């Protein structure tokens, strides 16, 4: 009986954590979808931190097993790249497009009822397409940033809604994503000014 109760408690904790994660995806996705361009430098810094931290962690674990050293280097690498990405705008914009595209496609693939190999395929596709998106963002900053933040934000929102509402049908996620994508692009385009127009004003 004790084992059964422990299992029930673990299941309840896992369900609570999953619900919290879905709510966070919805909230973060909403901010990104409707305010992505305005919060650009914040996203750039976060993307830089993520890439720096992951790189620092992977490299450090190859040379030492000491937890303090591993997490110290991970944090330091993340902070250094976050600052560099924030200060060096174009580099940060490229990283932003790359990371957001990879995460968006991974989240989308992970929410579908497909094999693990297919999910990995979505991640690889996201990493490769993210490079193209990053280049486009550098070349055509405002429209591309609005589009990619609206799209990735919409996927986060729809993933959160589908998970919380327990809608297993992938069609629901696609429809919700399309609605939020369109709304996000419209709202961001109307509430942000083009840099040249702002300079003229």
N, C-alpha and C. Protein backbone atom coordinates (compact mmCIF):
# COMPACT_ATOMS: atom_id res chain seq x y z
N UNK A 1 0.83 -1.22 0.00
CA UNK A 1 0.00 0.00 0.00
C UNK A 1 0.86 1.27 0.00
N UNK A 2 1.95 1.21 0.78
CA UNK A 2 2.83 2.38 0.84
C UNK A 2 3.41 2.70 -0.53
N UNK A 3 3.79 1.66 -1.25
CA UNK A 3 4.34 1.86 -2.59
C UNK A 3 3.29 2.50 -3.50
N UNK A 4 2.03 2.06 -3.34
CA UNK A 4 0.95 2.61 -4.15
C UNK A 4 0.76 4.10 -3.87
N UNK A 5 0.75 4.47 -2.56
CA UNK A 5 0.58 5.87 -2.19
C UNK A 5 1.75 6.73 -2.69
N UNK A 6 2.98 6.18 -2.60
CA UNK A 6 4.15 6.90 -3.10
C UNK A 6 4.04 7.13 -4.60
N UNK A 7 3.56 6.11 -5.29
CA UNK A 7 3.37 6.23 -6.75
C UNK A 7 2.35 7.31 -7.07
N UNK A 8 1.25 7.33 -6.31
CA UNK A 8 0.19 8.33 -6.52
C UNK A 8 0.74 9.74 -6.28
N UNK A 9 1.53 9.90 -5.20
CA UNK A 9 2.10 11.21 -4.89
C UNK A 9 3.06 11.67 -5.99
N UNK A 10 3.88 10.75 -6.48
CA UNK A 10 4.81 11.08 -7.57
C UNK A 10 4.05 11.48 -8.83
N UNK A 11 2.97 10.75 -9.11
CA UNK A 11 2.16 11.05 -10.29
C UNK A 11 1.52 12.43 -10.16
N UNK A 12 1.05 12.77 -8.96
CA UNK A 12 0.44 14.08 -8.72
C UNK A 12 1.46 15.20 -8.88
N UNK A 13 2.68 14.99 -8.35
CA UNK A 13 3.74 15.99 -8.50
C UNK A 13 4.12 16.19 -9.96
N UNK A 14 4.22 15.07 -10.69
CA UNK A 14 4.56 15.15 -12.11
C UNK A 14 3.49 15.91 -12.89
N UNK A 15 2.21 15.64 -12.54
CA UNK A 15 1.11 16.33 -13.21
C UNK A 15 1.14 17.83 -12.90
N UNK A 16 1.45 18.16 -11.65
CA UNK A 16 1.53 19.58 -11.26
C UNK A 16 2.65 20.29 -12.00
N UNK A 17 3.83 19.63 -12.08
CA UNK A 17 4.96 20.21 -12.80
C UNK A 17 4.64 20.40 -14.28
N UNK A 18 3.95 19.40 -14.86
CA UNK A 18 3.58 19.50 -16.27
C UNK A 18 2.62 20.67 -16.50
N UNK A 19 1.68 20.85 -15.56
CA UNK A 19 0.71 21.96 -15.67
C UNK A 19 1.42 23.30 -15.58
N UNK A 20 2.38 23.41 -14.65
CA UNK A 20 3.15 24.65 -14.49
C UNK A 20 3.92 24.95 -15.77
N UNK A 21 4.53 23.92 -16.35
CA UNK A 21 5.30 24.08 -17.57
C UNK A 21 4.41 24.54 -18.72
N UNK A 22 3.20 24.00 -18.82
CA UNK A 22 2.26 24.40 -19.86
C UNK A 22 1.81 25.86 -19.69
N UNK A 23 1.58 26.26 -18.44
CA UNK A 23 1.20 27.65 -18.16
C UNK A 23 2.33 28.60 -18.54
N UNK A 24 3.58 28.21 -18.21
CA UNK A 24 4.74 29.04 -18.57
C UNK A 24 4.89 29.16 -20.08
N UNK A 25 4.65 28.05 -20.79
CA UNK A 25 4.72 28.09 -22.26
C UNK A 25 3.67 29.05 -22.81
N UNK A 26 2.47 29.02 -22.22
CA UNK A 26 1.39 29.91 -22.66
C UNK A 26 1.76 31.37 -22.41
N UNK A 27 2.27 31.68 -21.21
CA UNK A 27 2.61 33.06 -20.85
C UNK A 27 3.79 33.58 -21.68
N UNK A 28 4.85 32.79 -21.76
CA UNK A 28 6.02 33.19 -22.53
C UNK A 28 5.66 33.33 -24.01
N UNK A 29 4.86 32.37 -24.50
CA UNK A 29 4.43 32.43 -25.90
C UNK A 29 3.60 33.66 -26.19
N UNK A 30 2.73 34.05 -25.25
CA UNK A 30 1.90 35.25 -25.43
C UNK A 30 2.75 36.50 -25.52
N UNK A 31 3.74 36.62 -24.62
CA UNK A 31 4.64 37.77 -24.66
C UNK A 31 5.40 37.83 -25.98
N UNK A 32 5.90 36.67 -26.38
CA UNK A 32 6.68 36.61 -27.62
C UNK A 32 5.82 36.90 -28.83
N UNK A 33 4.60 36.38 -28.83
CA UNK A 33 3.70 36.53 -29.96
C UNK A 33 3.28 37.98 -30.18
N UNK A 34 2.97 38.69 -29.09
CA UNK A 34 2.40 40.03 -29.22
C UNK A 34 3.39 41.17 -28.90
N UNK A 35 4.53 40.83 -28.26
CA UNK A 35 5.49 41.88 -27.90
C UNK A 35 6.92 41.50 -28.25
N UNK A 36 7.07 40.53 -29.16
CA UNK A 36 8.40 40.02 -29.50
C UNK A 36 9.38 41.08 -29.97
N UNK A 37 8.91 41.99 -30.83
CA UNK A 37 9.81 43.02 -31.37
C UNK A 37 10.22 44.01 -30.28
N UNK A 38 9.28 44.39 -29.41
CA UNK A 38 9.60 45.33 -28.34
C UNK A 38 10.54 44.72 -27.30
N UNK A 39 10.41 43.41 -27.10
CA UNK A 39 11.25 42.72 -26.12
C UNK A 39 12.48 42.08 -26.77
N UNK A 40 12.82 42.56 -27.96
CA UNK A 40 13.88 41.94 -28.75
C UNK A 40 15.18 41.74 -27.98
N UNK A 41 15.67 42.79 -27.34
CA UNK A 41 16.97 42.68 -26.67
C UNK A 41 16.93 41.70 -25.49
N UNK A 42 15.76 41.59 -24.86
CA UNK A 42 15.61 40.61 -23.77
C UNK A 42 15.72 39.20 -24.34
N UNK A 43 15.00 38.94 -25.46
CA UNK A 43 15.07 37.62 -26.08
C UNK A 43 16.48 37.32 -26.58
N UNK A 44 17.13 38.35 -27.13
CA UNK A 44 18.50 38.18 -27.63
C UNK A 44 19.43 37.75 -26.50
N UNK A 45 19.32 38.44 -25.36
CA UNK A 45 20.16 38.11 -24.21
C UNK A 45 19.86 36.70 -23.71
N UNK A 46 18.57 36.33 -23.66
CA UNK A 46 18.19 35.00 -23.21
C UNK A 46 18.69 33.92 -24.15
N UNK A 47 18.60 34.19 -25.47
CA UNK A 47 19.11 33.24 -26.45
C UNK A 47 20.62 33.08 -26.33
N UNK A 48 21.32 34.19 -26.13
CA UNK A 48 22.77 34.14 -25.95
C UNK A 48 23.15 33.36 -24.70
N UNK A 49 22.41 33.60 -23.62
CA UNK A 49 22.68 32.87 -22.37
C UNK A 49 22.48 31.37 -22.57
N UNK A 50 21.40 31.00 -23.25
CA UNK A 50 21.09 29.58 -23.46
C UNK A 50 22.18 28.90 -24.26
N UNK A 51 22.61 29.52 -25.35
CA UNK A 51 23.66 28.92 -26.19
C UNK A 51 24.98 28.85 -25.42
N UNK A 52 25.34 29.95 -24.73
CA UNK A 52 26.58 29.97 -23.96
C UNK A 52 26.60 28.94 -22.85
N UNK A 53 25.48 28.83 -22.14
CA UNK A 53 25.40 27.88 -21.01
C UNK A 53 25.49 26.44 -21.49
N UNK A 54 24.78 26.12 -22.56
CA UNK A 54 24.81 24.75 -23.09
C UNK A 54 26.21 24.41 -23.59
N UNK A 55 26.82 25.34 -24.33
CA UNK A 55 28.17 25.11 -24.84
C UNK A 55 29.17 24.95 -23.70
N UNK A 56 29.08 25.84 -22.72
CA UNK A 56 29.98 25.77 -21.57
C UNK A 56 29.83 24.47 -20.80
N UNK A 57 28.59 24.03 -20.64
CA UNK A 57 28.32 22.79 -19.89
C UNK A 57 28.87 21.58 -20.63
N UNK A 58 28.61 21.51 -21.95
CA UNK A 58 29.08 20.37 -22.74
C UNK A 58 30.60 20.29 -22.75
N UNK A 59 31.26 21.43 -22.97
CA UNK A 59 32.73 21.45 -23.03
C UNK A 59 33.34 21.12 -21.67
N UNK A 60 32.80 21.72 -20.60
CA UNK A 60 33.38 21.52 -19.26
C UNK A 60 33.27 20.07 -18.79
N UNK A 61 32.14 19.41 -19.09
CA UNK A 61 31.95 18.02 -18.64
C UNK A 61 32.94 17.06 -19.30
N UNK A 62 33.57 17.48 -20.37
CA UNK A 62 34.58 16.64 -21.03
C UNK A 62 35.93 16.70 -20.32
N UNK A 63 36.12 17.71 -19.46
CA UNK A 63 37.42 17.90 -18.79
C UNK A 63 37.38 17.67 -17.28
N UNK A 64 36.19 17.76 -16.68
CA UNK A 64 36.11 17.59 -15.22
C UNK A 64 34.74 17.05 -14.81
N UNK A 65 34.72 16.39 -13.64
CA UNK A 65 33.46 15.88 -13.09
C UNK A 65 33.03 16.67 -11.85
N UNK A 66 33.78 17.70 -11.50
CA UNK A 66 33.48 18.50 -10.31
C UNK A 66 32.24 19.37 -10.56
N UNK A 67 31.16 19.15 -9.81
CA UNK A 67 29.92 19.90 -10.04
C UNK A 67 30.08 21.42 -9.94
N UNK A 68 30.86 21.87 -8.95
CA UNK A 68 31.05 23.31 -8.77
C UNK A 68 31.69 23.97 -9.98
N UNK A 69 32.71 23.31 -10.53
CA UNK A 69 33.42 23.84 -11.70
C UNK A 69 32.50 23.82 -12.92
N UNK A 70 31.78 22.71 -13.10
CA UNK A 70 30.89 22.57 -14.25
C UNK A 70 29.82 23.66 -14.27
N UNK A 71 29.15 23.85 -13.13
CA UNK A 71 28.06 24.84 -13.08
C UNK A 71 28.59 26.27 -13.07
N UNK A 72 29.80 26.45 -12.51
CA UNK A 72 30.42 27.78 -12.54
C UNK A 72 30.75 28.21 -13.95
N UNK A 73 31.37 27.32 -14.71
CA UNK A 73 31.72 27.62 -16.11
C UNK A 73 30.46 27.76 -16.96
N UNK A 74 29.47 26.90 -16.70
CA UNK A 74 28.20 26.97 -17.44
C UNK A 74 27.54 28.34 -17.26
N UNK A 75 27.46 28.79 -16.01
CA UNK A 75 26.84 30.09 -15.72
C UNK A 75 27.66 31.24 -16.32
N UNK A 76 28.99 31.17 -16.15
CA UNK A 76 29.86 32.23 -16.68
C UNK A 76 29.77 32.33 -18.20
N UNK A 77 29.81 31.18 -18.88
CA UNK A 77 29.71 31.17 -20.35
C UNK A 77 28.37 31.72 -20.81
N UNK A 78 27.31 31.36 -20.09
CA UNK A 78 25.98 31.87 -20.42
C UNK A 78 25.89 33.37 -20.27
N UNK A 79 26.41 33.89 -19.17
CA UNK A 79 26.36 35.33 -18.91
C UNK A 79 27.21 36.13 -19.91
N UNK A 80 28.39 35.60 -20.22
CA UNK A 80 29.28 36.29 -21.18
C UNK A 80 28.61 36.39 -22.54
N UNK A 81 28.04 35.27 -23.02
CA UNK A 81 27.41 35.30 -24.34
C UNK A 81 26.11 36.12 -24.32
N UNK A 82 25.43 36.15 -23.18
CA UNK A 82 24.22 36.97 -23.07
C UNK A 82 24.56 38.45 -23.22
N UNK A 83 25.64 38.87 -22.55
CA UNK A 83 26.07 40.28 -22.63
C UNK A 83 26.53 40.61 -24.05
N UNK A 84 27.32 39.71 -24.65
CA UNK A 84 27.81 39.95 -26.01
C UNK A 84 26.63 40.03 -27.00
N UNK A 85 25.67 39.11 -26.85
CA UNK A 85 24.51 39.10 -27.74
C UNK A 85 23.69 40.38 -27.58
N UNK A 86 23.58 40.84 -26.33
CA UNK A 86 22.81 42.07 -26.06
C UNK A 86 23.47 43.29 -26.66
N UNK A 87 24.81 43.35 -26.54
CA UNK A 87 25.56 44.52 -27.01
C UNK A 87 25.79 44.50 -28.51
N UNK A 88 26.08 43.31 -29.06
CA UNK A 88 26.33 43.20 -30.49
C UNK A 88 25.02 42.79 -31.15
N UNK A 89 24.26 43.77 -31.58
CA UNK A 89 22.87 43.59 -31.99
C UNK A 89 22.69 42.54 -33.09
N UNK A 90 23.46 42.63 -34.17
CA UNK A 90 23.26 41.74 -35.30
C UNK A 90 23.59 40.29 -34.97
N UNK A 91 24.66 40.11 -34.17
CA UNK A 91 25.00 38.75 -33.73
C UNK A 91 23.86 38.19 -32.89
N UNK A 92 23.36 39.05 -31.99
CA UNK A 92 22.25 38.63 -31.13
C UNK A 92 21.00 38.33 -31.92
N UNK A 93 20.72 39.14 -32.94
CA UNK A 93 19.54 38.92 -33.78
C UNK A 93 19.63 37.59 -34.51
N UNK A 94 20.83 37.26 -34.99
CA UNK A 94 21.04 35.97 -35.65
C UNK A 94 20.80 34.82 -34.68
N UNK A 95 21.39 34.93 -33.47
CA UNK A 95 21.21 33.89 -32.46
C UNK A 95 19.74 33.73 -32.07
N UNK A 96 19.05 34.86 -31.97
CA UNK A 96 17.63 34.84 -31.61
C UNK A 96 16.82 34.03 -32.63
N UNK A 97 17.02 34.34 -33.90
CA UNK A 97 16.29 33.62 -34.95
C UNK A 97 16.62 32.15 -34.96
N UNK A 98 17.88 31.84 -34.78
CA UNK A 98 18.33 30.44 -34.80
C UNK A 98 17.70 29.66 -33.65
N UNK A 99 17.84 30.18 -32.43
CA UNK A 99 17.35 29.47 -31.24
C UNK A 99 15.83 29.35 -31.25
N UNK A 100 15.14 30.45 -31.56
CA UNK A 100 13.67 30.43 -31.53
C UNK A 100 13.09 29.46 -32.56
N UNK A 101 13.71 29.41 -33.74
CA UNK A 101 13.24 28.49 -34.78
C UNK A 101 13.44 27.04 -34.35
N UNK A 102 14.61 26.75 -33.81
CA UNK A 102 14.90 25.39 -33.35
C UNK A 102 13.94 24.97 -32.24
N UNK A 103 13.72 25.86 -31.27
CA UNK A 103 12.82 25.54 -30.15
C UNK A 103 11.39 25.39 -30.62
N UNK A 104 10.95 26.30 -31.51
CA UNK A 104 9.57 26.25 -32.00
C UNK A 104 9.27 24.94 -32.72
N UNK A 105 10.18 24.51 -33.61
CA UNK A 105 9.95 23.26 -34.33
C UNK A 105 10.05 22.05 -33.42
N UNK A 106 10.95 22.12 -32.43
CA UNK A 106 11.06 21.02 -31.47
C UNK A 106 9.78 20.89 -30.63
N UNK A 107 9.26 22.02 -30.15
CA UNK A 107 8.02 22.02 -29.35
C UNK A 107 6.86 21.51 -30.19
N UNK A 108 6.79 21.97 -31.45
CA UNK A 108 5.71 21.53 -32.33
C UNK A 108 5.79 20.03 -32.57
N UNK A 109 6.98 19.52 -32.89
CA UNK A 109 7.15 18.09 -33.14
C UNK A 109 6.90 17.26 -31.90
N UNK A 110 7.30 17.79 -30.74
CA UNK A 110 7.14 17.07 -29.49
C UNK A 110 5.68 16.95 -29.08
N UNK A 111 4.84 17.88 -29.54
CA UNK A 111 3.42 17.86 -29.17
C UNK A 111 2.61 16.91 -30.07
N UNK A 112 3.21 16.45 -31.18
CA UNK A 112 2.52 15.55 -32.09
C UNK A 112 2.70 14.10 -31.67
N UNK A 113 1.77 13.28 -32.07
CA UNK A 113 1.82 11.85 -31.73
C UNK A 113 2.67 11.12 -32.78
N UNK A 114 4.00 11.33 -32.69
CA UNK A 114 4.93 10.75 -33.66
C UNK A 114 6.06 10.04 -32.92
N UNK A 115 6.87 9.30 -33.67
CA UNK A 115 7.97 8.54 -33.06
C UNK A 115 9.07 9.47 -32.57
N UNK A 116 9.93 8.94 -31.70
CA UNK A 116 11.05 9.73 -31.17
C UNK A 116 12.01 10.15 -32.28
N UNK A 117 12.19 9.28 -33.29
CA UNK A 117 13.07 9.61 -34.42
C UNK A 117 12.53 10.81 -35.19
N UNK A 118 11.20 10.83 -35.37
CA UNK A 118 10.59 11.95 -36.08
C UNK A 118 10.73 13.24 -35.27
N UNK A 119 10.65 13.14 -33.94
CA UNK A 119 10.82 14.32 -33.08
C UNK A 119 12.25 14.87 -33.19
N UNK A 120 13.22 13.96 -33.22
CA UNK A 120 14.62 14.38 -33.41
C UNK A 120 14.78 15.03 -34.78
N UNK A 121 14.06 14.50 -35.78
CA UNK A 121 14.08 15.09 -37.11
C UNK A 121 13.58 16.53 -37.11
N UNK A 122 12.52 16.78 -36.32
CA UNK A 122 12.00 18.15 -36.18
C UNK A 122 13.06 19.06 -35.57
N UNK A 123 13.78 18.56 -34.56
CA UNK A 123 14.82 19.36 -33.91
C UNK A 123 15.95 19.68 -34.88
N UNK A 124 16.40 18.68 -35.62
CA UNK A 124 17.48 18.90 -36.60
C UNK A 124 17.04 19.90 -37.67
N UNK A 125 15.78 19.73 -38.13
CA UNK A 125 15.24 20.66 -39.12
C UNK A 125 15.20 22.08 -38.56
N UNK A 126 14.81 22.19 -37.28
CA UNK A 126 14.77 23.51 -36.63
C UNK A 126 16.13 24.17 -36.56
N UNK A 127 17.15 23.38 -36.25
CA UNK A 127 18.52 23.91 -36.16
C UNK A 127 18.99 24.40 -37.53
N UNK A 128 18.71 23.61 -38.58
CA UNK A 128 19.14 23.99 -39.93
C UNK A 128 18.34 25.18 -40.48
N UNK A 129 17.02 25.12 -40.32
CA UNK A 129 16.18 26.22 -40.80
C UNK A 129 16.46 27.49 -39.99
N UNK A 130 16.82 27.30 -38.70
CA UNK A 130 17.13 28.44 -37.84
C UNK A 130 18.29 29.27 -38.36
N UNK A 131 19.26 28.62 -39.00
CA UNK A 131 20.40 29.35 -39.57
C UNK A 131 19.91 30.29 -40.67
N UNK A 132 19.02 29.76 -41.52
CA UNK A 132 18.45 30.59 -42.61
C UNK A 132 17.65 31.74 -42.03
N UNK A 133 16.84 31.44 -41.01
CA UNK A 133 16.01 32.47 -40.37
C UNK A 133 16.90 33.54 -39.74
N UNK A 134 17.99 33.12 -39.09
CA UNK A 134 18.92 34.07 -38.48
C UNK A 134 19.51 35.02 -39.50
N UNK A 135 19.89 34.49 -40.68
CA UNK A 135 20.43 35.33 -41.75
C UNK A 135 19.39 36.31 -42.27
N UNK A 136 18.14 35.83 -42.42
CA UNK A 136 17.06 36.70 -42.89
C UNK A 136 16.77 37.82 -41.90
N UNK A 137 16.84 37.50 -40.60
CA UNK A 137 16.60 38.51 -39.57
C UNK A 137 17.66 39.62 -39.66
N UNK A 138 18.90 39.23 -39.86
CA UNK A 138 19.98 40.22 -39.99
C UNK A 138 19.76 41.09 -41.23
N UNK A 139 19.29 40.47 -42.30
CA UNK A 139 19.11 41.17 -43.58
C UNK A 139 17.87 42.06 -43.57
N UNK A 140 16.76 41.52 -43.08
CA UNK A 140 15.49 42.26 -43.06
C UNK A 140 14.96 42.26 -41.63
N UNK A 141 15.56 43.07 -40.79
CA UNK A 141 15.35 42.99 -39.34
C UNK A 141 13.90 43.05 -38.90
N UNK A 142 13.21 44.20 -39.07
CA UNK A 142 11.90 44.37 -38.44
C UNK A 142 10.84 43.36 -38.89
N UNK A 143 10.56 43.22 -40.21
CA UNK A 143 9.53 42.27 -40.60
C UNK A 143 9.84 40.83 -40.21
N UNK A 144 11.12 40.44 -40.30
CA UNK A 144 11.50 39.07 -39.95
C UNK A 144 11.39 38.83 -38.45
N UNK A 145 11.79 39.81 -37.65
CA UNK A 145 11.70 39.66 -36.19
C UNK A 145 10.24 39.55 -35.77
N UNK A 146 9.39 40.40 -36.34
CA UNK A 146 7.96 40.34 -36.02
C UNK A 146 7.39 38.98 -36.41
N UNK A 147 7.75 38.51 -37.61
CA UNK A 147 7.22 37.23 -38.09
C UNK A 147 7.69 36.06 -37.23
N UNK A 148 9.00 35.99 -36.96
CA UNK A 148 9.53 34.83 -36.23
C UNK A 148 9.07 34.82 -34.77
N UNK A 149 8.97 36.00 -34.14
CA UNK A 149 8.49 36.02 -32.75
C UNK A 149 7.00 35.70 -32.68
N UNK A 150 6.23 36.17 -33.67
CA UNK A 150 4.79 35.86 -33.70
C UNK A 150 4.57 34.37 -33.93
N UNK A 151 5.33 33.79 -34.85
CA UNK A 151 5.18 32.36 -35.16
C UNK A 151 5.61 31.48 -33.98
N UNK A 152 6.82 31.73 -33.45
CA UNK A 152 7.30 30.91 -32.32
C UNK A 152 6.44 31.11 -31.09
N UNK A 153 5.98 32.36 -30.86
CA UNK A 153 5.11 32.64 -29.73
C UNK A 153 3.77 31.93 -29.88
N UNK A 154 3.22 31.94 -31.10
CA UNK A 154 1.94 31.28 -31.35
C UNK A 154 2.03 29.78 -31.11
N UNK A 155 3.14 29.19 -31.49
CA UNK A 155 3.33 27.75 -31.26
C UNK A 155 3.39 27.46 -29.77
N UNK A 156 4.07 28.33 -29.01
CA UNK A 156 4.12 28.17 -27.56
C UNK A 156 2.75 28.30 -26.93
N UNK A 157 1.98 29.30 -27.36
CA UNK A 157 0.63 29.51 -26.84
C UNK A 157 -0.26 28.31 -27.14
N UNK A 158 -0.25 27.88 -28.41
CA UNK A 158 -1.11 26.76 -28.80
C UNK A 158 -0.71 25.47 -28.10
N UNK A 159 0.60 25.27 -27.91
CA UNK A 159 1.08 24.09 -27.19
C UNK A 159 0.58 24.09 -25.75
N UNK A 160 0.62 25.28 -25.12
CA UNK A 160 0.11 25.41 -23.76
C UNK A 160 -1.38 25.16 -23.67
N UNK A 161 -2.14 25.75 -24.59
CA UNK A 161 -3.60 25.59 -24.59
C UNK A 161 -3.99 24.13 -24.84
N UNK A 162 -3.37 23.52 -25.85
CA UNK A 162 -3.68 22.12 -26.19
C UNK A 162 -3.36 21.19 -25.02
N UNK A 163 -2.21 21.45 -24.36
CA UNK A 163 -1.83 20.61 -23.23
C UNK A 163 -2.76 20.78 -22.04
N UNK A 164 -3.10 22.02 -21.71
CA UNK A 164 -3.98 22.29 -20.57
C UNK A 164 -5.40 21.79 -20.82
N UNK A 165 -5.86 21.93 -22.07
CA UNK A 165 -7.21 21.48 -22.41
C UNK A 165 -7.25 19.99 -22.78
N UNK A 166 -6.06 19.36 -22.84
CA UNK A 166 -5.94 17.94 -23.17
C UNK A 166 -6.57 17.61 -24.52
N UNK A 167 -6.21 18.41 -25.51
CA UNK A 167 -6.67 18.18 -26.88
C UNK A 167 -5.57 17.43 -27.62
N UNK A 168 -5.77 16.15 -27.84
CA UNK A 168 -4.73 15.32 -28.46
C UNK A 168 -4.65 15.49 -29.97
N UNK A 169 -5.68 16.05 -30.56
CA UNK A 169 -5.70 16.21 -32.01
C UNK A 169 -4.74 17.31 -32.46
N UNK A 170 -3.79 16.95 -33.34
CA UNK A 170 -2.81 17.93 -33.82
C UNK A 170 -3.44 19.05 -34.62
N UNK A 171 -4.65 18.80 -35.17
CA UNK A 171 -5.34 19.82 -35.95
C UNK A 171 -5.69 21.03 -35.09
N UNK A 172 -6.04 20.79 -33.83
CA UNK A 172 -6.36 21.90 -32.91
C UNK A 172 -5.15 22.80 -32.72
N UNK A 173 -4.00 22.19 -32.53
CA UNK A 173 -2.78 22.98 -32.33
C UNK A 173 -2.47 23.81 -33.57
N UNK A 174 -2.66 23.22 -34.75
CA UNK A 174 -2.39 23.94 -35.99
C UNK A 174 -3.34 25.13 -36.14
N UNK A 175 -4.63 24.92 -35.87
CA UNK A 175 -5.61 25.99 -36.01
C UNK A 175 -5.36 27.13 -35.02
N UNK A 176 -5.09 26.77 -33.75
CA UNK A 176 -4.81 27.77 -32.72
C UNK A 176 -3.55 28.54 -33.07
N UNK A 177 -2.54 27.83 -33.57
CA UNK A 177 -1.27 28.48 -33.96
C UNK A 177 -1.50 29.50 -35.06
N UNK A 178 -2.28 29.12 -36.08
CA UNK A 178 -2.53 30.02 -37.21
C UNK A 178 -3.24 31.29 -36.75
N UNK A 179 -4.25 31.13 -35.87
CA UNK A 179 -5.00 32.29 -35.36
C UNK A 179 -4.08 33.23 -34.59
N UNK A 180 -3.26 32.68 -33.70
CA UNK A 180 -2.36 33.51 -32.89
C UNK A 180 -1.23 34.10 -33.73
N UNK A 181 -0.76 33.35 -34.74
CA UNK A 181 0.27 33.90 -35.63
C UNK A 181 -0.24 35.17 -36.31
N UNK A 182 -1.42 35.06 -36.90
CA UNK A 182 -2.00 36.21 -37.62
C UNK A 182 -2.23 37.38 -36.67
N UNK A 183 -2.78 37.09 -35.48
CA UNK A 183 -3.05 38.15 -34.50
C UNK A 183 -1.75 38.79 -34.02
N UNK A 184 -0.73 37.96 -33.78
CA UNK A 184 0.55 38.46 -33.29
C UNK A 184 1.23 39.36 -34.31
N UNK A 185 1.25 38.94 -35.58
CA UNK A 185 1.86 39.76 -36.63
C UNK A 185 1.12 41.09 -36.76
N UNK A 186 -0.21 41.03 -36.76
CA UNK A 186 -1.02 42.25 -36.89
C UNK A 186 -0.75 43.22 -35.74
N UNK A 187 -0.80 42.71 -34.50
CA UNK A 187 -0.62 43.57 -33.31
C UNK A 187 0.78 44.17 -33.29
N UNK A 188 1.80 43.36 -33.56
CA UNK A 188 3.18 43.87 -33.52
C UNK A 188 3.42 44.90 -34.63
N UNK A 189 2.87 44.65 -35.81
CA UNK A 189 3.08 45.59 -36.91
C UNK A 189 2.43 46.93 -36.62
N UNK A 190 1.26 46.89 -35.96
CA UNK A 190 0.54 48.13 -35.67
C UNK A 190 1.10 48.87 -34.46
N UNK A 191 1.74 48.16 -33.55
CA UNK A 191 2.20 48.81 -32.31
C UNK A 191 3.68 49.13 -32.29
N UNK A 192 4.39 48.81 -33.37
CA UNK A 192 5.82 49.15 -33.45
C UNK A 192 6.06 50.05 -34.64
N UNK A 193 7.08 50.88 -34.53
CA UNK A 193 7.42 51.80 -35.62
C UNK A 193 8.68 51.33 -36.31
N UNK A 194 8.73 51.57 -37.61
CA UNK A 194 9.94 51.27 -38.37
C UNK A 194 11.04 52.21 -37.91
N UNK A 195 12.29 51.71 -37.72
CA UNK A 195 13.40 52.56 -37.27
C UNK A 195 13.57 53.83 -38.08
N UNK A 196 13.44 53.77 -39.42
CA UNK A 196 13.62 54.95 -40.26
C UNK A 196 12.51 55.95 -40.01
N UNK A 197 11.25 55.44 -39.86
CA UNK A 197 10.13 56.34 -39.63
C UNK A 197 10.27 57.02 -38.27
N UNK A 198 10.76 56.26 -37.29
CA UNK A 198 10.94 56.82 -35.95
C UNK A 198 12.00 57.92 -35.96
N UNK A 199 13.06 57.72 -36.76
CA UNK A 199 14.13 58.71 -36.86
C UNK A 199 13.60 59.99 -37.51
N UNK A 200 12.71 59.84 -38.51
CA UNK A 200 12.14 61.00 -39.17
C UNK A 200 11.24 61.81 -38.24
N UNK A 201 10.50 61.07 -37.36
CA UNK A 201 9.63 61.76 -36.39
C UNK A 201 10.45 62.54 -35.37
